[in-house]
Amino acid sequence: MGNNSSQKHVDFLANLMPIYQHDEVDGFRCARSLKNGTLILPIYELDESLDEDWIHVLWQGDSSRKSEVRAYEFASIAVVDYVNFHGVGKGVEYVNDMLLDLAQHYCFKTGSNIYLPNSELNMPALFKVMELAKRVGPKIAYDALKKAIGL
């Protein structure tokens, strides 16, 4: 099958190993939870008027328990699970850095932002500053950031 925006979210989730793994069902690339068998599939018949990307979720792999879910909401939970798994025995700073790195990577791969309700940072704004730093250099980006917040 082709590569649409819904597929990008599914591919990202499938790479969150060992929480998820790559799978293929009926010719579709999908992600399967190793915790409970839940299957995440792309939606190819997308309504182009929607502002957000959606995915199909077959809870515990049961096709009779199928839902359409906002991709970023499902990914938000999956990323936190992944970070918790890989953060066992690590310090808070390591876990926070991993969470921010994955949030940025998710944005890069899918064009969407995960939802981090307790984050003190405005993630989309942070990513814009990081992109600016890549284009014009960190000093200019830092100066622009200081000016924008009134420092």
N, C-alpha and C. Protein backbone atom coordinates (compact mmCIF):
# COMPACT_ATOMS: atom_id res chain seq x y z
N MET A 1 0.84 -1.19 0.00
CA MET A 1 0.00 0.00 0.00
C MET A 1 0.87 1.24 0.00
N GLY A 2 0.32 2.34 -0.43
CA GLY A 2 1.04 3.60 -0.50
C GLY A 2 1.39 4.15 0.86
N ASN A 3 2.07 5.26 0.85
CA ASN A 3 2.51 5.86 2.10
C ASN A 3 1.75 7.16 2.32
N ASN A 4 0.70 7.12 3.16
CA ASN A 4 -0.03 8.34 3.46
C ASN A 4 0.34 8.81 4.86
N SER A 5 -0.28 9.90 5.29
CA SER A 5 0.10 10.44 6.60
C SER A 5 -0.29 9.50 7.74
N SER A 6 -1.38 8.78 7.60
CA SER A 6 -1.76 7.81 8.63
C SER A 6 -0.70 6.72 8.75
N GLN A 7 -0.16 6.29 7.62
CA GLN A 7 0.88 5.25 7.63
C GLN A 7 2.13 5.73 8.35
N LYS A 8 2.45 7.01 8.24
CA LYS A 8 3.63 7.54 8.93
C LYS A 8 3.52 7.36 10.44
N HIS A 9 2.32 7.56 10.97
CA HIS A 9 2.10 7.39 12.41
C HIS A 9 2.25 5.92 12.81
N VAL A 10 1.67 5.04 11.99
CA VAL A 10 1.76 3.61 12.27
C VAL A 10 3.21 3.15 12.22
N ASP A 11 3.96 3.60 11.23
CA ASP A 11 5.37 3.22 11.13
C ASP A 11 6.15 3.71 12.35
N PHE A 12 5.88 4.93 12.80
CA PHE A 12 6.55 5.45 13.99
C PHE A 12 6.26 4.54 15.19
N LEU A 13 4.99 4.20 15.38
CA LEU A 13 4.61 3.35 16.52
C LEU A 13 5.30 1.99 16.45
N ALA A 14 5.36 1.41 15.25
CA ALA A 14 5.97 0.08 15.09
C ALA A 14 7.45 0.09 15.46
N ASN A 15 8.08 1.24 15.39
CA ASN A 15 9.50 1.34 15.75
C ASN A 15 9.73 1.52 17.25
N LEU A 16 8.67 1.63 18.03
CA LEU A 16 8.82 1.78 19.49
C LEU A 16 9.00 0.40 20.13
N MET A 17 10.06 -0.26 19.77
CA MET A 17 10.33 -1.62 20.24
C MET A 17 10.98 -1.60 21.62
N PRO A 18 10.68 -2.52 22.48
CA PRO A 18 9.85 -3.70 22.29
C PRO A 18 8.39 -3.52 22.70
N ILE A 19 7.92 -2.30 22.87
CA ILE A 19 6.52 -2.08 23.22
C ILE A 19 5.62 -2.49 22.04
N TYR A 20 6.04 -2.14 20.83
CA TYR A 20 5.34 -2.50 19.60
C TYR A 20 6.31 -3.20 18.68
N GLN A 21 5.77 -3.87 17.69
CA GLN A 21 6.61 -4.47 16.66
C GLN A 21 5.92 -4.30 15.31
N HIS A 22 6.71 -4.40 14.25
CA HIS A 22 6.17 -4.32 12.90
C HIS A 22 5.38 -5.58 12.61
N ASP A 23 4.30 -5.43 11.87
CA ASP A 23 3.48 -6.56 11.47
C ASP A 23 2.86 -6.21 10.12
N GLU A 24 2.27 -7.18 9.48
CA GLU A 24 1.55 -6.94 8.24
C GLU A 24 0.26 -7.73 8.28
N VAL A 25 -0.84 -7.05 7.99
CA VAL A 25 -2.15 -7.69 7.99
C VAL A 25 -2.89 -7.26 6.73
N ASP A 26 -3.34 -8.23 5.96
CA ASP A 26 -4.09 -7.95 4.72
C ASP A 26 -3.36 -6.98 3.80
N GLY A 27 -2.04 -7.09 3.74
CA GLY A 27 -1.25 -6.24 2.87
C GLY A 27 -0.94 -4.87 3.42
N PHE A 28 -1.37 -4.59 4.65
CA PHE A 28 -1.10 -3.29 5.28
C PHE A 28 0.03 -3.42 6.28
N ARG A 29 0.97 -2.48 6.23
CA ARG A 29 1.99 -2.39 7.29
C ARG A 29 1.29 -1.86 8.53
N CYS A 30 1.54 -2.51 9.66
CA CYS A 30 0.88 -2.10 10.89
C CYS A 30 1.82 -2.27 12.07
N ALA A 31 1.34 -1.89 13.23
CA ALA A 31 2.10 -2.03 14.48
C ALA A 31 1.27 -2.90 15.42
N ARG A 32 1.93 -3.80 16.12
CA ARG A 32 1.24 -4.66 17.08
C ARG A 32 1.87 -4.50 18.45
N SER A 33 1.01 -4.29 19.44
CA SER A 33 1.47 -4.18 20.82
C SER A 33 1.91 -5.55 21.32
N LEU A 34 3.10 -5.60 21.91
CA LEU A 34 3.56 -6.85 22.50
C LEU A 34 3.00 -7.04 23.90
N LYS A 35 2.36 -6.01 24.44
CA LYS A 35 1.76 -6.11 25.77
C LYS A 35 0.41 -6.82 25.72
N ASN A 36 -0.39 -6.53 24.68
CA ASN A 36 -1.74 -7.09 24.67
C ASN A 36 -2.25 -7.46 23.27
N GLY A 37 -1.42 -7.36 22.26
CA GLY A 37 -1.82 -7.75 20.92
C GLY A 37 -2.63 -6.72 20.14
N THR A 38 -2.85 -5.55 20.73
CA THR A 38 -3.58 -4.49 20.02
C THR A 38 -2.89 -4.19 18.70
N LEU A 39 -3.68 -4.05 17.66
CA LEU A 39 -3.17 -3.84 16.31
C LEU A 39 -3.50 -2.43 15.85
N ILE A 40 -2.51 -1.72 15.33
CA ILE A 40 -2.68 -0.35 14.85
C ILE A 40 -2.49 -0.36 13.34
N LEU A 41 -3.50 0.10 12.63
CA LEU A 41 -3.50 0.11 11.17
C LEU A 41 -3.70 1.52 10.63
N PRO A 42 -3.14 1.80 9.46
CA PRO A 42 -3.38 3.11 8.84
C PRO A 42 -4.81 3.17 8.30
N ILE A 43 -5.29 4.37 8.13
CA ILE A 43 -6.58 4.60 7.47
C ILE A 43 -6.26 5.17 6.09
N TYR A 44 -6.66 4.46 5.06
CA TYR A 44 -6.36 4.91 3.70
C TYR A 44 -7.50 5.70 3.07
N GLU A 45 -8.70 5.52 3.58
CA GLU A 45 -9.83 6.27 3.05
C GLU A 45 -10.07 7.51 3.92
N LEU A 46 -9.03 8.35 4.00
CA LEU A 46 -9.06 9.52 4.87
C LEU A 46 -9.97 10.62 4.32
N ASP A 47 -10.66 11.28 5.23
CA ASP A 47 -11.43 12.47 4.90
C ASP A 47 -10.46 13.64 4.87
N GLU A 48 -10.20 14.17 3.70
CA GLU A 48 -9.19 15.22 3.53
C GLU A 48 -9.54 16.51 4.27
N SER A 49 -10.80 16.65 4.70
CA SER A 49 -11.18 17.87 5.41
C SER A 49 -10.77 17.83 6.88
N LEU A 50 -10.34 16.67 7.37
CA LEU A 50 -9.93 16.56 8.77
C LEU A 50 -8.60 17.26 8.99
N ASP A 51 -8.49 17.95 10.11
CA ASP A 51 -7.25 18.64 10.45
C ASP A 51 -6.20 17.71 11.03
N GLU A 52 -6.62 16.56 11.51
CA GLU A 52 -5.71 15.66 12.20
C GLU A 52 -5.67 14.31 11.50
N ASP A 53 -4.61 13.57 11.75
CA ASP A 53 -4.49 12.22 11.21
C ASP A 53 -5.12 11.22 12.17
N TRP A 54 -5.74 10.21 11.61
CA TRP A 54 -6.42 9.18 12.39
C TRP A 54 -5.82 7.82 12.04
N ILE A 55 -5.96 6.88 12.96
CA ILE A 55 -5.53 5.50 12.75
C ILE A 55 -6.64 4.56 13.21
N HIS A 56 -6.63 3.34 12.69
CA HIS A 56 -7.54 2.30 13.18
C HIS A 56 -6.83 1.56 14.31
N VAL A 57 -7.56 1.26 15.37
CA VAL A 57 -7.03 0.47 16.47
C VAL A 57 -7.96 -0.72 16.67
N LEU A 58 -7.40 -1.92 16.57
CA LEU A 58 -8.13 -3.14 16.86
C LEU A 58 -7.68 -3.59 18.25
N TRP A 59 -8.51 -3.31 19.24
CA TRP A 59 -8.15 -3.56 20.64
C TRP A 59 -7.95 -5.05 20.86
N GLN A 60 -6.83 -5.41 21.43
CA GLN A 60 -6.39 -6.78 21.63
C GLN A 60 -6.44 -7.58 20.33
N GLY A 61 -6.30 -6.88 19.20
CA GLY A 61 -6.26 -7.53 17.89
C GLY A 61 -7.61 -8.02 17.40
N ASP A 62 -8.69 -7.68 18.08
CA ASP A 62 -10.04 -8.15 17.77
C ASP A 62 -10.71 -7.19 16.78
N SER A 63 -10.98 -7.68 15.57
CA SER A 63 -11.56 -6.81 14.53
C SER A 63 -12.97 -6.35 14.88
N SER A 64 -13.64 -7.02 15.80
CA SER A 64 -14.97 -6.56 16.22
C SER A 64 -14.89 -5.42 17.23
N ARG A 65 -13.68 -5.14 17.70
CA ARG A 65 -13.45 -4.04 18.66
C ARG A 65 -12.54 -3.00 18.01
N LYS A 66 -13.00 -2.46 16.90
CA LYS A 66 -12.21 -1.53 16.09
C LYS A 66 -12.65 -0.10 16.37
N SER A 67 -11.66 0.79 16.54
CA SER A 67 -11.93 2.21 16.77
C SER A 67 -11.08 3.04 15.83
N GLU A 68 -11.57 4.24 15.53
CA GLU A 68 -10.75 5.24 14.86
C GLU A 68 -10.29 6.20 15.94
N VAL A 69 -8.98 6.43 16.00
CA VAL A 69 -8.38 7.22 17.07
C VAL A 69 -7.48 8.28 16.45
N ARG A 70 -7.44 9.45 17.07
CA ARG A 70 -6.48 10.47 16.62
C ARG A 70 -5.07 9.91 16.82
N ALA A 71 -4.30 9.95 15.77
CA ALA A 71 -2.97 9.35 15.80
C ALA A 71 -2.09 9.96 16.89
N TYR A 72 -2.11 11.28 17.04
CA TYR A 72 -1.23 11.91 18.02
C TYR A 72 -1.60 11.53 19.45
N GLU A 73 -2.90 11.28 19.71
CA GLU A 73 -3.30 10.88 21.06
C GLU A 73 -2.79 9.48 21.38
N PHE A 74 -2.95 8.56 20.43
CA PHE A 74 -2.45 7.20 20.65
C PHE A 74 -0.93 7.22 20.78
N ALA A 75 -0.27 7.98 19.93
CA ALA A 75 1.20 8.06 19.97
C ALA A 75 1.68 8.67 21.28
N SER A 76 0.94 9.62 21.83
CA SER A 76 1.34 10.23 23.10
C SER A 76 1.45 9.19 24.19
N ILE A 77 0.46 8.32 24.28
CA ILE A 77 0.47 7.26 25.29
C ILE A 77 1.59 6.26 24.99
N ALA A 78 1.75 5.90 23.72
CA ALA A 78 2.77 4.93 23.34
C ALA A 78 4.18 5.45 23.64
N VAL A 79 4.42 6.72 23.37
CA VAL A 79 5.74 7.30 23.63
C VAL A 79 6.04 7.30 25.12
N VAL A 80 5.05 7.65 25.94
CA VAL A 80 5.26 7.64 27.39
C VAL A 80 5.55 6.22 27.87
N ASP A 81 4.82 5.22 27.35
CA ASP A 81 5.11 3.82 27.71
C ASP A 81 6.53 3.44 27.33
N TYR A 82 6.94 3.82 26.13
CA TYR A 82 8.28 3.52 25.63
C TYR A 82 9.34 4.16 26.52
N VAL A 83 9.15 5.42 26.86
CA VAL A 83 10.11 6.14 27.70
C VAL A 83 10.16 5.52 29.09
N ASN A 84 9.00 5.17 29.64
CA ASN A 84 8.98 4.51 30.95
C ASN A 84 9.74 3.19 30.92
N PHE A 85 9.54 2.41 29.86
CA PHE A 85 10.23 1.12 29.73
C PHE A 85 11.74 1.32 29.66
N HIS A 86 12.17 2.22 28.81
CA HIS A 86 13.61 2.43 28.61
C HIS A 86 14.25 3.29 29.69
N GLY A 87 13.43 3.93 30.51
CA GLY A 87 13.95 4.78 31.57
C GLY A 87 14.12 4.09 32.90
N VAL A 88 13.78 2.80 32.98
CA VAL A 88 13.91 2.07 34.24
C VAL A 88 15.36 2.12 34.70
N GLY A 89 15.55 2.59 35.92
CA GLY A 89 16.89 2.67 36.49
C GLY A 89 17.67 3.91 36.09
N LYS A 90 17.09 4.74 35.27
CA LYS A 90 17.76 5.96 34.81
C LYS A 90 17.26 7.14 35.64
N GLY A 91 17.96 8.24 35.57
CA GLY A 91 17.57 9.44 36.29
C GLY A 91 16.48 10.22 35.57
N VAL A 92 15.89 11.16 36.30
CA VAL A 92 14.81 11.98 35.76
C VAL A 92 15.26 12.77 34.54
N GLU A 93 16.47 13.30 34.57
CA GLU A 93 16.96 14.08 33.44
C GLU A 93 17.06 13.23 32.18
N TYR A 94 17.53 11.99 32.33
CA TYR A 94 17.63 11.07 31.20
C TYR A 94 16.24 10.83 30.60
N VAL A 95 15.27 10.56 31.47
CA VAL A 95 13.91 10.28 31.02
C VAL A 95 13.31 11.51 30.34
N ASN A 96 13.48 12.68 30.92
CA ASN A 96 12.96 13.90 30.30
C ASN A 96 13.60 14.17 28.95
N ASP A 97 14.91 13.98 28.87
CA ASP A 97 15.61 14.17 27.59
C ASP A 97 15.10 13.19 26.54
N MET A 98 14.89 11.94 26.94
CA MET A 98 14.40 10.94 26.00
C MET A 98 12.99 11.31 25.52
N LEU A 99 12.16 11.77 26.44
CA LEU A 99 10.80 12.17 26.07
C LEU A 99 10.82 13.34 25.08
N LEU A 100 11.64 14.33 25.35
CA LEU A 100 11.73 15.47 24.44
C LEU A 100 12.30 15.07 23.08
N ASP A 101 13.31 14.19 23.10
CA ASP A 101 13.89 13.70 21.84
C ASP A 101 12.85 12.95 21.01
N LEU A 102 12.08 12.08 21.67
CA LEU A 102 11.06 11.32 20.94
C LEU A 102 9.94 12.22 20.45
N ALA A 103 9.57 13.22 21.25
CA ALA A 103 8.54 14.17 20.82
C ALA A 103 8.99 14.91 19.56
N GLN A 104 10.25 15.31 19.55
CA GLN A 104 10.79 16.00 18.37
C GLN A 104 10.86 15.04 17.18
N HIS A 105 11.27 13.81 17.43
CA HIS A 105 11.38 12.82 16.35
C HIS A 105 9.99 12.52 15.77
N TYR A 106 8.99 12.42 16.64
CA TYR A 106 7.62 12.18 16.18
C TYR A 106 7.17 13.33 15.27
N CYS A 107 7.45 14.55 15.68
CA CYS A 107 7.10 15.72 14.88
C CYS A 107 7.81 15.67 13.52
N PHE A 108 9.09 15.32 13.53
CA PHE A 108 9.87 15.23 12.30
C PHE A 108 9.30 14.16 11.37
N LYS A 109 8.97 12.99 11.92
CA LYS A 109 8.51 11.87 11.10
C LYS A 109 7.08 12.03 10.60
N THR A 110 6.21 12.66 11.40
CA THR A 110 4.79 12.68 11.07
C THR A 110 4.23 14.07 10.78
N GLY A 111 4.93 15.10 11.22
CA GLY A 111 4.40 16.45 11.08
C GLY A 111 3.40 16.82 12.16
N SER A 112 3.20 15.94 13.13
CA SER A 112 2.28 16.18 14.24
C SER A 112 3.05 16.26 15.55
N ASN A 113 2.39 16.74 16.58
CA ASN A 113 2.99 16.83 17.91
C ASN A 113 2.28 15.91 18.87
N ILE A 114 3.05 15.24 19.72
CA ILE A 114 2.41 14.45 20.76
C ILE A 114 1.90 15.39 21.85
N TYR A 115 0.97 14.88 22.64
CA TYR A 115 0.37 15.67 23.70
C TYR A 115 1.08 15.35 25.01
N LEU A 116 1.69 16.36 25.60
CA LEU A 116 2.38 16.22 26.88
C LEU A 116 1.74 17.20 27.86
N PRO A 117 0.72 16.77 28.60
CA PRO A 117 -0.04 17.71 29.43
C PRO A 117 0.76 18.34 30.56
N ASN A 118 1.77 17.67 31.05
CA ASN A 118 2.54 18.20 32.17
C ASN A 118 3.85 18.85 31.75
N SER A 119 4.03 18.98 30.45
CA SER A 119 5.25 19.61 29.96
C SER A 119 5.14 21.11 30.17
N GLU A 120 6.19 21.67 30.72
CA GLU A 120 6.22 23.12 30.92
C GLU A 120 6.60 23.83 29.63
N LEU A 121 7.03 23.09 28.65
CA LEU A 121 7.47 23.69 27.40
C LEU A 121 6.34 23.69 26.38
N ASN A 122 6.32 24.69 25.55
CA ASN A 122 5.44 24.73 24.41
C ASN A 122 6.17 23.97 23.31
N MET A 123 5.84 22.70 23.13
CA MET A 123 6.60 21.84 22.23
C MET A 123 6.66 22.37 20.79
N PRO A 124 5.54 22.77 20.18
CA PRO A 124 5.65 23.28 18.80
C PRO A 124 6.58 24.49 18.71
N ALA A 125 6.51 25.39 19.67
CA ALA A 125 7.38 26.57 19.65
C ALA A 125 8.83 26.15 19.82
N LEU A 126 9.08 25.19 20.71
CA LEU A 126 10.44 24.70 20.92
C LEU A 126 11.00 24.10 19.63
N PHE A 127 10.19 23.32 18.93
CA PHE A 127 10.66 22.69 17.70
C PHE A 127 10.95 23.74 16.62
N LYS A 128 10.15 24.81 16.59
CA LYS A 128 10.40 25.89 15.64
C LYS A 128 11.73 26.57 15.93
N VAL A 129 12.02 26.78 17.21
CA VAL A 129 13.30 27.38 17.59
C VAL A 129 14.45 26.46 17.20
N MET A 130 14.27 25.14 17.41
CA MET A 130 15.32 24.19 17.05
C MET A 130 15.54 24.17 15.54
N GLU A 131 14.46 24.24 14.76
CA GLU A 131 14.60 24.30 13.31
C GLU A 131 15.31 25.58 12.88
N LEU A 132 14.96 26.70 13.53
CA LEU A 132 15.62 27.97 13.24
C LEU A 132 17.12 27.87 13.53
N ALA A 133 17.46 27.22 14.64
CA ALA A 133 18.87 27.06 15.00
C ALA A 133 19.62 26.25 13.95
N LYS A 134 18.96 25.25 13.37
CA LYS A 134 19.59 24.45 12.32
C LYS A 134 19.85 25.30 11.07
N ARG A 135 18.90 26.19 10.76
CA ARG A 135 19.01 26.99 9.54
C ARG A 135 19.98 28.16 9.67
N VAL A 136 19.91 28.90 10.79
CA VAL A 136 20.68 30.14 10.90
C VAL A 136 21.78 30.09 11.95
N GLY A 137 21.84 29.01 12.70
CA GLY A 137 22.85 28.88 13.74
C GLY A 137 22.27 29.14 15.13
N PRO A 138 22.87 28.52 16.13
CA PRO A 138 22.32 28.61 17.49
C PRO A 138 22.36 30.02 18.08
N LYS A 139 23.39 30.80 17.79
CA LYS A 139 23.50 32.14 18.37
C LYS A 139 22.35 33.03 17.90
N ILE A 140 22.09 33.04 16.60
CA ILE A 140 21.01 33.87 16.06
C ILE A 140 19.66 33.38 16.58
N ALA A 141 19.46 32.06 16.63
CA ALA A 141 18.20 31.51 17.14
C ALA A 141 18.01 31.88 18.61
N TYR A 142 19.07 31.80 19.39
CA TYR A 142 19.00 32.15 20.81
C TYR A 142 18.67 33.63 20.97
N ASP A 143 19.30 34.49 20.19
CA ASP A 143 19.01 35.92 20.25
C ASP A 143 17.56 36.21 19.86
N ALA A 144 17.06 35.52 18.84
CA ALA A 144 15.66 35.70 18.41
C ALA A 144 14.71 35.24 19.51
N LEU A 145 15.03 34.13 20.16
CA LEU A 145 14.20 33.62 21.25
C LEU A 145 14.17 34.61 22.41
N LYS A 146 15.33 35.14 22.78
CA LYS A 146 15.38 36.13 23.87
C LYS A 146 14.54 37.36 23.53
N LYS A 147 14.64 37.82 22.30
CA LYS A 147 13.88 38.99 21.88
C LYS A 147 12.38 38.70 21.92
N ALA A 148 12.00 37.50 21.49
CA ALA A 148 10.59 37.13 21.45
C ALA A 148 9.96 37.06 22.84
N ILE A 149 10.74 36.67 23.84
CA ILE A 149 10.18 36.58 25.20
C ILE A 149 10.50 37.79 26.04
N GLY A 150 11.11 38.80 25.43
CA GLY A 150 11.32 40.07 26.10
C GLY A 150 12.54 40.16 26.99
N LEU A 151 13.56 39.40 26.71
CA LEU A 151 14.80 39.46 27.49
C LEU A 151 15.83 40.34 26.82
